[in-house]
Amino acid sequence: MRPFKMMLADQATSPFILNGAFLYYLAITDGKSHQDAVQAVKDRCMPIIIESYKVWPFIILLNFYVIPLHSRVLFSNAAAILWTTYLTYLISKSDNKNK
C-alpha cells in the first residue's frame, strides 16, 4: 500500500512542476517573451498532464513493485528519456499544426 500512496503523492505534484518547467523553458529557448512563455504553459500544460497520467502511474507502480531496488534509478531514467521524447513529439506536432 505504501508504494501506491507514494505514487499518488508524486502524481499530485510532479506533473505540474516538471511539465510546466519544461514547457516554459522550451518557449524561452524558442525566443518567446516571459509573458508568451507563461501563456504557452497555461495553454499546453493540462493536456500534457492528462497524457502523463496515462503513463506515469503505471511506470511508478512497476518501479516500486517489480523492478529490483538496484535497477530502479536506471528504469525511471529510461522512462523519463522516453517520456521527454514523446513530449517533444507532441509539442512539435501541435506547433506544426498551428503554422
N, C-alpha and C. Protein backbone atom coordinates (compact mmCIF):
# COMPACT_ATOMS: atom_id res chain seq x y z
N MET A 1 0.81 -1.20 0.00
CA MET A 1 0.00 0.00 0.00
C MET A 1 0.86 1.27 0.00
N ARG A 2 2.03 1.19 0.60
CA ARG A 2 2.90 2.36 0.66
C ARG A 2 3.33 2.85 -0.72
N PRO A 3 3.72 1.95 -1.64
CA PRO A 3 4.07 2.45 -2.98
C PRO A 3 2.90 3.15 -3.68
N PHE A 4 1.68 2.70 -3.45
CA PHE A 4 0.52 3.35 -4.05
C PHE A 4 0.37 4.76 -3.51
N LYS A 5 0.56 4.95 -2.21
CA LYS A 5 0.49 6.28 -1.62
C LYS A 5 1.62 7.18 -2.14
N MET A 6 2.79 6.59 -2.32
CA MET A 6 3.92 7.36 -2.86
C MET A 6 3.64 7.80 -4.30
N MET A 7 3.00 6.91 -5.07
CA MET A 7 2.65 7.25 -6.45
C MET A 7 1.62 8.38 -6.46
N LEU A 8 0.63 8.31 -5.59
CA LEU A 8 -0.38 9.38 -5.53
C LEU A 8 0.25 10.72 -5.16
N ALA A 9 1.14 10.70 -4.17
CA ALA A 9 1.82 11.94 -3.77
C ALA A 9 2.67 12.49 -4.91
N ASP A 10 3.36 11.61 -5.60
CA ASP A 10 4.18 12.04 -6.73
C ASP A 10 3.33 12.64 -7.84
N GLN A 11 2.24 11.99 -8.18
CA GLN A 11 1.40 12.43 -9.29
C GLN A 11 0.56 13.67 -8.94
N ALA A 12 0.44 13.97 -7.68
CA ALA A 12 -0.30 15.18 -7.27
C ALA A 12 0.54 16.44 -7.47
N THR A 13 1.86 16.29 -7.55
CA THR A 13 2.72 17.47 -7.65
C THR A 13 3.64 17.47 -8.86
N SER A 14 4.33 16.38 -9.09
CA SER A 14 5.38 16.33 -10.11
C SER A 14 4.95 16.73 -11.51
N PRO A 15 3.83 16.23 -12.03
CA PRO A 15 3.48 16.59 -13.41
C PRO A 15 3.33 18.09 -13.63
N PHE A 16 2.77 18.77 -12.65
CA PHE A 16 2.56 20.21 -12.77
C PHE A 16 3.89 20.96 -12.78
N ILE A 17 4.77 20.59 -11.88
CA ILE A 17 6.05 21.28 -11.76
C ILE A 17 6.96 20.96 -12.95
N LEU A 18 7.16 19.68 -13.22
CA LEU A 18 8.12 19.27 -14.25
C LEU A 18 7.66 19.63 -15.66
N ASN A 19 6.40 19.35 -15.98
CA ASN A 19 5.91 19.67 -17.32
C ASN A 19 5.79 21.17 -17.52
N GLY A 20 5.38 21.90 -16.49
CA GLY A 20 5.31 23.35 -16.57
C GLY A 20 6.68 23.97 -16.80
N ALA A 21 7.67 23.48 -16.07
CA ALA A 21 9.04 23.99 -16.24
C ALA A 21 9.57 23.65 -17.63
N PHE A 22 9.28 22.44 -18.10
CA PHE A 22 9.73 22.03 -19.44
C PHE A 22 9.11 22.92 -20.51
N LEU A 23 7.81 23.16 -20.42
CA LEU A 23 7.13 24.00 -21.42
C LEU A 23 7.64 25.44 -21.37
N TYR A 24 7.85 25.96 -20.18
CA TYR A 24 8.36 27.32 -20.04
C TYR A 24 9.76 27.43 -20.65
N TYR A 25 10.62 26.50 -20.32
CA TYR A 25 11.99 26.50 -20.85
C TYR A 25 11.98 26.40 -22.37
N LEU A 26 11.15 25.53 -22.89
CA LEU A 26 11.06 25.37 -24.34
C LEU A 26 10.62 26.66 -25.02
N ALA A 27 9.65 27.35 -24.44
CA ALA A 27 9.18 28.61 -25.02
C ALA A 27 10.26 29.69 -24.95
N ILE A 28 10.96 29.78 -23.83
CA ILE A 28 12.02 30.78 -23.68
C ILE A 28 13.15 30.51 -24.67
N THR A 29 13.54 29.25 -24.83
CA THR A 29 14.62 28.93 -25.77
C THR A 29 14.19 29.11 -27.22
N ASP A 30 12.88 29.16 -27.47
CA ASP A 30 12.38 29.47 -28.81
C ASP A 30 12.33 30.97 -29.07
N GLY A 31 12.75 31.78 -28.08
CA GLY A 31 12.81 33.22 -28.26
C GLY A 31 11.55 33.96 -27.85
N LYS A 32 10.64 33.29 -27.16
CA LYS A 32 9.41 33.95 -26.73
C LYS A 32 9.67 34.77 -25.47
N SER A 33 8.83 35.78 -25.26
CA SER A 33 8.95 36.60 -24.05
C SER A 33 8.43 35.82 -22.84
N HIS A 34 8.68 36.38 -21.67
CA HIS A 34 8.19 35.76 -20.44
C HIS A 34 6.68 35.58 -20.48
N GLN A 35 5.97 36.63 -20.89
CA GLN A 35 4.50 36.57 -20.94
C GLN A 35 4.02 35.50 -21.92
N ASP A 36 4.67 35.40 -23.08
CA ASP A 36 4.30 34.37 -24.06
C ASP A 36 4.61 32.97 -23.55
N ALA A 37 5.72 32.85 -22.84
CA ALA A 37 6.09 31.55 -22.28
C ALA A 37 5.09 31.11 -21.22
N VAL A 38 4.69 32.04 -20.37
CA VAL A 38 3.68 31.72 -19.35
C VAL A 38 2.36 31.33 -20.02
N GLN A 39 2.00 32.04 -21.07
CA GLN A 39 0.76 31.70 -21.79
C GLN A 39 0.87 30.32 -22.45
N ALA A 40 2.04 29.99 -22.96
CA ALA A 40 2.25 28.67 -23.55
C ALA A 40 2.08 27.57 -22.51
N VAL A 41 2.58 27.82 -21.30
CA VAL A 41 2.40 26.86 -20.21
C VAL A 41 0.92 26.70 -19.88
N LYS A 42 0.21 27.82 -19.79
CA LYS A 42 -1.22 27.76 -19.49
C LYS A 42 -2.00 27.02 -20.56
N ASP A 43 -1.63 27.24 -21.82
CA ASP A 43 -2.35 26.62 -22.93
C ASP A 43 -2.08 25.12 -23.07
N ARG A 44 -0.84 24.72 -22.80
CA ARG A 44 -0.44 23.34 -23.11
C ARG A 44 -0.31 22.42 -21.91
N CYS A 45 -0.23 22.95 -20.73
CA CYS A 45 0.11 22.13 -19.57
C CYS A 45 -0.94 21.06 -19.25
N MET A 46 -2.19 21.41 -19.19
CA MET A 46 -3.20 20.43 -18.79
C MET A 46 -3.33 19.26 -19.77
N PRO A 47 -3.35 19.49 -21.08
CA PRO A 47 -3.40 18.33 -21.98
C PRO A 47 -2.19 17.40 -21.82
N ILE A 48 -1.03 17.98 -21.56
CA ILE A 48 0.17 17.17 -21.38
C ILE A 48 0.10 16.42 -20.06
N ILE A 49 -0.41 17.05 -19.02
CA ILE A 49 -0.54 16.37 -17.73
C ILE A 49 -1.53 15.21 -17.84
N ILE A 50 -2.60 15.40 -18.58
CA ILE A 50 -3.55 14.31 -18.79
C ILE A 50 -2.87 13.15 -19.51
N GLU A 51 -2.04 13.46 -20.51
CA GLU A 51 -1.27 12.41 -21.19
C GLU A 51 -0.32 11.71 -20.21
N SER A 52 0.31 12.49 -19.33
CA SER A 52 1.26 11.89 -18.39
C SER A 52 0.56 10.96 -17.40
N TYR A 53 -0.69 11.27 -17.07
CA TYR A 53 -1.44 10.40 -16.16
C TYR A 53 -1.77 9.05 -16.80
N LYS A 54 -1.67 8.97 -18.11
CA LYS A 54 -1.89 7.70 -18.80
C LYS A 54 -0.66 6.80 -18.74
N VAL A 55 0.49 7.40 -18.43
CA VAL A 55 1.75 6.66 -18.49
C VAL A 55 2.42 6.51 -17.13
N TRP A 56 2.62 7.62 -16.42
CA TRP A 56 3.48 7.63 -15.24
C TRP A 56 2.97 6.82 -14.05
N PRO A 57 1.69 6.80 -13.73
CA PRO A 57 1.29 5.96 -12.58
C PRO A 57 1.69 4.49 -12.77
N PHE A 58 1.51 3.97 -13.98
CA PHE A 58 1.92 2.60 -14.26
C PHE A 58 3.43 2.42 -14.10
N ILE A 59 4.20 3.37 -14.62
CA ILE A 59 5.66 3.27 -14.52
C ILE A 59 6.11 3.32 -13.06
N ILE A 60 5.51 4.21 -12.29
CA ILE A 60 5.89 4.34 -10.88
C ILE A 60 5.56 3.07 -10.10
N LEU A 61 4.36 2.54 -10.30
CA LEU A 61 3.98 1.31 -9.60
C LEU A 61 4.84 0.13 -10.05
N LEU A 62 5.12 0.03 -11.33
CA LEU A 62 6.00 -1.02 -11.83
C LEU A 62 7.38 -0.89 -11.20
N ASN A 63 7.86 0.33 -11.08
CA ASN A 63 9.16 0.58 -10.49
C ASN A 63 9.21 0.13 -9.02
N PHE A 64 8.17 0.38 -8.27
CA PHE A 64 8.17 0.02 -6.85
C PHE A 64 7.87 -1.46 -6.60
N TYR A 65 7.03 -2.06 -7.42
CA TYR A 65 6.59 -3.44 -7.15
C TYR A 65 7.39 -4.51 -7.89
N VAL A 66 7.94 -4.19 -9.07
CA VAL A 66 8.54 -5.22 -9.90
C VAL A 66 10.05 -5.04 -10.08
N ILE A 67 10.48 -3.84 -10.34
CA ILE A 67 11.89 -3.58 -10.63
C ILE A 67 12.73 -3.74 -9.36
N PRO A 68 13.83 -4.50 -9.44
CA PRO A 68 14.70 -4.65 -8.27
C PRO A 68 15.27 -3.30 -7.83
N LEU A 69 15.53 -3.18 -6.56
CA LEU A 69 15.99 -1.92 -5.97
C LEU A 69 17.22 -1.36 -6.70
N HIS A 70 18.16 -2.20 -7.05
CA HIS A 70 19.40 -1.71 -7.68
C HIS A 70 19.19 -1.22 -9.12
N SER A 71 18.03 -1.50 -9.71
CA SER A 71 17.76 -1.09 -11.09
C SER A 71 16.72 0.02 -11.20
N ARG A 72 16.19 0.49 -10.10
CA ARG A 72 15.09 1.45 -10.14
C ARG A 72 15.47 2.79 -10.75
N VAL A 73 16.64 3.29 -10.41
CA VAL A 73 17.07 4.59 -10.96
C VAL A 73 17.24 4.48 -12.47
N LEU A 74 17.87 3.42 -12.93
CA LEU A 74 18.06 3.21 -14.36
C LEU A 74 16.71 3.11 -15.07
N PHE A 75 15.78 2.36 -14.49
CA PHE A 75 14.46 2.19 -15.10
C PHE A 75 13.72 3.52 -15.18
N SER A 76 13.70 4.28 -14.08
CA SER A 76 12.97 5.55 -14.09
C SER A 76 13.63 6.57 -15.02
N ASN A 77 14.96 6.56 -15.11
CA ASN A 77 15.64 7.47 -16.03
C ASN A 77 15.36 7.10 -17.49
N ALA A 78 15.32 5.81 -17.80
CA ALA A 78 15.00 5.38 -19.16
C ALA A 78 13.57 5.78 -19.51
N ALA A 79 12.65 5.62 -18.56
CA ALA A 79 11.26 6.04 -18.78
C ALA A 79 11.18 7.55 -18.98
N ALA A 80 11.96 8.30 -18.24
CA ALA A 80 11.96 9.76 -18.37
C ALA A 80 12.49 10.19 -19.74
N ILE A 81 13.49 9.51 -20.24
CA ILE A 81 14.00 9.83 -21.58
C ILE A 81 12.93 9.57 -22.62
N LEU A 82 12.25 8.43 -22.52
CA LEU A 82 11.18 8.11 -23.46
C LEU A 82 10.03 9.12 -23.35
N TRP A 83 9.69 9.51 -22.13
CA TRP A 83 8.62 10.48 -21.93
C TRP A 83 8.99 11.84 -22.54
N THR A 84 10.22 12.29 -22.31
CA THR A 84 10.65 13.57 -22.86
C THR A 84 10.64 13.54 -24.39
N THR A 85 11.03 12.42 -24.96
CA THR A 85 10.99 12.27 -26.41
C THR A 85 9.55 12.36 -26.91
N TYR A 86 8.64 11.66 -26.24
CA TYR A 86 7.23 11.70 -26.62
C TYR A 86 6.65 13.11 -26.43
N LEU A 87 7.01 13.75 -25.34
CA LEU A 87 6.53 15.10 -25.05
C LEU A 87 7.01 16.08 -26.12
N THR A 88 8.25 15.98 -26.52
CA THR A 88 8.78 16.83 -27.57
C THR A 88 8.05 16.59 -28.88
N TYR A 89 7.75 15.33 -29.17
CA TYR A 89 6.98 15.00 -30.37
C TYR A 89 5.60 15.64 -30.33
N LEU A 90 4.91 15.54 -29.19
CA LEU A 90 3.58 16.14 -29.07
C LEU A 90 3.63 17.64 -29.29
N ILE A 91 4.61 18.29 -28.71
CA ILE A 91 4.72 19.75 -28.83
C ILE A 91 5.05 20.15 -30.27
N SER A 92 5.98 19.45 -30.90
CA SER A 92 6.31 19.81 -32.28
C SER A 92 5.14 19.52 -33.22
N LYS A 93 4.39 18.49 -32.93
CA LYS A 93 3.21 18.16 -33.74
C LYS A 93 2.17 19.28 -33.63
N SER A 94 1.94 19.78 -32.42
CA SER A 94 0.96 20.85 -32.24
C SER A 94 1.49 22.17 -32.83
N ASP A 95 2.81 22.40 -32.77
CA ASP A 95 3.38 23.60 -33.39
C ASP A 95 3.23 23.56 -34.89
N ASN A 96 3.44 22.42 -35.51
CA ASN A 96 3.30 22.30 -36.97
C ASN A 96 1.84 22.45 -37.39
N LYS A 97 0.93 22.01 -36.55
CA LYS A 97 -0.49 22.13 -36.86
C LYS A 97 -0.94 23.60 -36.82
N ASN A 98 -0.30 24.39 -35.93
CA ASN A 98 -0.67 25.80 -35.77
C ASN A 98 -0.06 26.70 -36.85
N LYS A 99 0.88 26.18 -37.60
CA LYS A 99 1.55 27.02 -38.62
C LYS A 99 0.77 27.06 -39.89
